[in-house]
């Protein structure tokens, strides 16, 4: 699993994802909530990895722990 906050289909920067400031508020809010939900789900998955899984995937446990501890609103 990549450590990026955005799924592979969403490789655009956050500012481009949320769109222009004149875009209707509900659309911007839904976009932001979708990003936050994806981050929270990804970090929850990282927290559930066992040490054996991290070793098998050759991932740094310290970096994963730091990523998993970040709040969902922080990229």
N, C-alpha and C. Protein backbone atom coordinates (compact mmCIF):
# COMPACT_ATOMS: atom_id res chain seq x y z
N UNK A 1 0.84 -1.18 0.00
CA UNK A 1 0.00 0.00 0.00
C UNK A 1 0.88 1.23 0.00
N UNK A 2 0.70 2.16 -0.93
CA UNK A 2 1.52 3.36 -0.94
C UNK A 2 1.20 4.23 0.27
N UNK A 3 2.17 5.00 0.66
CA UNK A 3 2.00 5.84 1.84
C UNK A 3 1.41 7.19 1.53
N UNK A 4 1.04 7.45 0.29
CA UNK A 4 0.48 8.75 -0.05
C UNK A 4 -0.91 8.89 0.55
N UNK A 5 -1.34 10.14 0.75
CA UNK A 5 -2.64 10.40 1.33
C UNK A 5 -3.76 10.28 0.31
N UNK A 6 -3.43 10.32 -0.94
CA UNK A 6 -4.44 10.26 -1.98
C UNK A 6 -4.36 8.92 -2.69
N UNK A 7 -5.50 8.33 -2.97
CA UNK A 7 -5.48 7.09 -3.75
C UNK A 7 -4.88 7.34 -5.12
N UNK A 8 -4.40 6.30 -5.80
CA UNK A 8 -3.77 6.48 -7.11
C UNK A 8 -4.64 7.21 -8.12
N UNK A 9 -5.95 7.09 -8.03
CA UNK A 9 -6.82 7.76 -8.98
C UNK A 9 -6.93 9.25 -8.69
N UNK A 10 -6.48 9.67 -7.53
CA UNK A 10 -6.58 11.07 -7.15
C UNK A 10 -5.19 11.64 -6.96
N UNK A 11 -4.45 11.79 -8.05
CA UNK A 11 -3.07 12.24 -7.94
C UNK A 11 -2.96 13.76 -8.05
N UNK A 12 -4.10 14.45 -8.11
CA UNK A 12 -4.06 15.91 -8.20
C UNK A 12 -3.81 16.53 -6.83
N UNK A 13 -3.20 17.71 -6.80
CA UNK A 13 -3.01 18.39 -5.52
C UNK A 13 -4.36 18.74 -4.89
N UNK A 14 -4.37 18.91 -3.57
CA UNK A 14 -5.60 19.20 -2.85
C UNK A 14 -6.29 20.45 -3.39
N UNK A 15 -5.52 21.49 -3.70
CA UNK A 15 -6.13 22.72 -4.19
C UNK A 15 -6.87 22.50 -5.51
N UNK A 16 -6.36 21.63 -6.37
CA UNK A 16 -7.03 21.35 -7.63
C UNK A 16 -8.22 20.43 -7.41
N UNK A 17 -8.15 19.57 -6.41
CA UNK A 17 -9.25 18.65 -6.13
C UNK A 17 -10.46 19.42 -5.61
N UNK A 18 -10.22 20.36 -4.72
CA UNK A 18 -11.33 21.12 -4.15
C UNK A 18 -11.88 22.14 -5.13
N UNK A 19 -11.11 22.52 -6.09
CA UNK A 19 -11.59 23.43 -7.12
C UNK A 19 -11.48 24.90 -6.75
N UNK A 20 -12.05 25.68 -7.60
CA UNK A 20 -12.02 27.13 -7.46
C UNK A 20 -12.82 27.57 -6.25
N UNK A 21 -12.39 28.64 -5.56
CA UNK A 21 -13.13 29.12 -4.39
C UNK A 21 -14.58 29.49 -4.69
N UNK A 22 -14.89 29.80 -5.94
CA UNK A 22 -16.26 30.15 -6.30
C UNK A 22 -17.14 28.92 -6.54
N UNK A 23 -16.54 27.74 -6.45
CA UNK A 23 -17.31 26.52 -6.59
C UNK A 23 -18.29 26.45 -5.41
N UNK A 24 -19.49 25.93 -5.62
CA UNK A 24 -20.48 25.91 -4.52
C UNK A 24 -19.94 25.21 -3.28
N UNK A 25 -20.29 25.77 -2.12
CA UNK A 25 -19.78 25.24 -0.86
C UNK A 25 -20.07 23.75 -0.67
N UNK A 26 -21.29 23.29 -0.94
CA UNK A 26 -21.53 21.85 -0.72
C UNK A 26 -20.59 20.96 -1.54
N UNK A 27 -20.27 21.36 -2.75
CA UNK A 27 -19.37 20.55 -3.58
C UNK A 27 -17.96 20.54 -2.99
N UNK A 28 -17.48 21.69 -2.53
CA UNK A 28 -16.16 21.75 -1.92
C UNK A 28 -16.13 20.95 -0.62
N UNK A 29 -17.20 21.05 0.17
CA UNK A 29 -17.26 20.33 1.45
C UNK A 29 -17.26 18.82 1.22
N UNK A 30 -18.02 18.37 0.24
CA UNK A 30 -18.06 16.94 -0.06
C UNK A 30 -16.70 16.46 -0.53
N UNK A 31 -16.01 17.24 -1.35
CA UNK A 31 -14.68 16.87 -1.81
C UNK A 31 -13.71 16.74 -0.64
N UNK A 32 -13.75 17.71 0.26
CA UNK A 32 -12.85 17.69 1.41
C UNK A 32 -13.17 16.51 2.33
N UNK A 33 -14.44 16.26 2.58
CA UNK A 33 -14.81 15.12 3.43
C UNK A 33 -14.37 13.80 2.81
N UNK A 34 -14.44 13.72 1.50
CA UNK A 34 -14.00 12.51 0.80
C UNK A 34 -12.50 12.29 0.98
N UNK A 35 -11.73 13.35 0.87
CA UNK A 35 -10.28 13.27 1.07
C UNK A 35 -9.97 12.86 2.51
N UNK A 36 -10.64 13.48 3.46
CA UNK A 36 -10.41 13.17 4.87
C UNK A 36 -10.79 11.72 5.16
N UNK A 37 -11.88 11.24 4.60
CA UNK A 37 -12.31 9.86 4.83
C UNK A 37 -11.25 8.89 4.29
N UNK A 38 -10.72 9.18 3.11
CA UNK A 38 -9.68 8.33 2.53
C UNK A 38 -8.43 8.29 3.38
N UNK A 39 -8.03 9.44 3.89
CA UNK A 39 -6.85 9.49 4.77
C UNK A 39 -7.07 8.68 6.04
N UNK A 40 -8.23 8.87 6.67
CA UNK A 40 -8.52 8.15 7.91
C UNK A 40 -8.54 6.64 7.66
N UNK A 41 -9.12 6.21 6.57
CA UNK A 41 -9.18 4.78 6.26
C UNK A 41 -7.78 4.22 6.00
N UNK A 42 -6.98 4.96 5.27
CA UNK A 42 -5.62 4.51 4.99
C UNK A 42 -4.77 4.42 6.24
N UNK A 43 -4.90 5.39 7.11
CA UNK A 43 -4.12 5.38 8.36
C UNK A 43 -4.62 4.30 9.31
N UNK A 44 -5.91 4.01 9.28
CA UNK A 44 -6.44 2.91 10.08
C UNK A 44 -5.86 1.58 9.58
N UNK A 45 -5.75 1.44 8.27
CA UNK A 45 -5.15 0.23 7.69
C UNK A 45 -3.70 0.09 8.09
N UNK A 46 -2.97 1.19 8.09
CA UNK A 46 -1.55 1.17 8.48
C UNK A 46 -1.42 0.71 9.94
N UNK A 47 -2.30 1.22 10.82
CA UNK A 47 -2.24 0.83 12.23
C UNK A 47 -2.50 -0.65 12.43
N UNK A 48 -3.25 -1.26 11.53
CA UNK A 48 -3.60 -2.68 11.67
C UNK A 48 -2.53 -3.62 11.14
N UNK A 49 -1.50 -3.09 10.46
CA UNK A 49 -0.45 -3.96 9.93
C UNK A 49 0.36 -4.59 11.06
N UNK A 50 0.68 -5.85 10.91
CA UNK A 50 1.53 -6.52 11.89
C UNK A 50 2.99 -6.28 11.52
N UNK A 51 3.88 -6.55 12.45
CA UNK A 51 5.30 -6.36 12.17
C UNK A 51 5.77 -7.30 11.05
N UNK A 52 5.18 -8.50 10.98
CA UNK A 52 5.54 -9.44 9.92
C UNK A 52 5.13 -8.90 8.55
N UNK A 53 3.94 -8.29 8.49
CA UNK A 53 3.48 -7.71 7.23
C UNK A 53 4.39 -6.55 6.80
N UNK A 54 4.79 -5.72 7.75
CA UNK A 54 5.68 -4.60 7.43
C UNK A 54 7.02 -5.11 6.90
N UNK A 55 7.54 -6.17 7.53
CA UNK A 55 8.81 -6.74 7.07
C UNK A 55 8.66 -7.35 5.68
N UNK A 56 7.56 -8.04 5.45
CA UNK A 56 7.32 -8.68 4.14
C UNK A 56 7.21 -7.64 3.04
N UNK A 57 6.64 -6.48 3.36
CA UNK A 57 6.49 -5.41 2.38
C UNK A 57 7.69 -4.48 2.35
N UNK A 58 8.67 -4.74 3.22
CA UNK A 58 9.88 -3.93 3.32
C UNK A 58 9.55 -2.46 3.59
N UNK A 59 8.70 -2.24 4.59
CA UNK A 59 8.30 -0.90 4.99
C UNK A 59 8.95 -0.54 6.31
N UNK A 60 9.24 0.74 6.49
CA UNK A 60 9.87 1.23 7.71
C UNK A 60 8.81 1.40 8.80
N UNK A 61 8.89 0.63 9.88
CA UNK A 61 7.88 0.72 10.94
C UNK A 61 7.81 2.10 11.58
N UNK A 62 8.92 2.78 11.71
CA UNK A 62 8.93 4.12 12.32
C UNK A 62 8.17 5.10 11.44
N UNK A 63 8.40 5.06 10.14
CA UNK A 63 7.70 5.95 9.22
C UNK A 63 6.21 5.64 9.19
N UNK A 64 5.87 4.37 9.22
CA UNK A 64 4.46 3.98 9.23
C UNK A 64 3.76 4.45 10.50
N UNK A 65 4.43 4.31 11.63
CA UNK A 65 3.85 4.76 12.89
C UNK A 65 3.61 6.26 12.86
N UNK A 66 4.58 7.01 12.34
CA UNK A 66 4.43 8.46 12.25
C UNK A 66 3.26 8.83 11.35
N UNK A 67 3.11 8.13 10.23
CA UNK A 67 2.00 8.40 9.31
C UNK A 67 0.67 8.04 9.96
N UNK A 68 0.60 6.93 10.64
CA UNK A 68 -0.65 6.47 11.25
C UNK A 68 -1.11 7.38 12.39
N UNK A 69 -0.17 8.04 13.05
CA UNK A 69 -0.52 8.90 14.17
C UNK A 69 -0.98 10.30 13.76
N UNK A 70 -0.79 10.65 12.49
CA UNK A 70 -1.22 11.97 12.03
C UNK A 70 -2.74 12.05 12.03
N UNK A 71 -3.30 13.22 12.35
CA UNK A 71 -4.75 13.38 12.26
C UNK A 71 -5.19 13.38 10.78
N UNK A 72 -6.44 13.02 10.55
CA UNK A 72 -6.92 12.88 9.19
C UNK A 72 -6.89 14.16 8.37
N UNK A 73 -6.91 15.32 9.01
CA UNK A 73 -6.92 16.56 8.26
C UNK A 73 -5.52 17.00 7.82
N UNK A 74 -4.48 16.35 8.32
CA UNK A 74 -3.11 16.72 7.97
C UNK A 74 -2.59 15.81 6.86
N UNK A 75 -2.07 16.40 5.81
CA UNK A 75 -1.58 15.63 4.65
C UNK A 75 -0.29 14.92 4.96
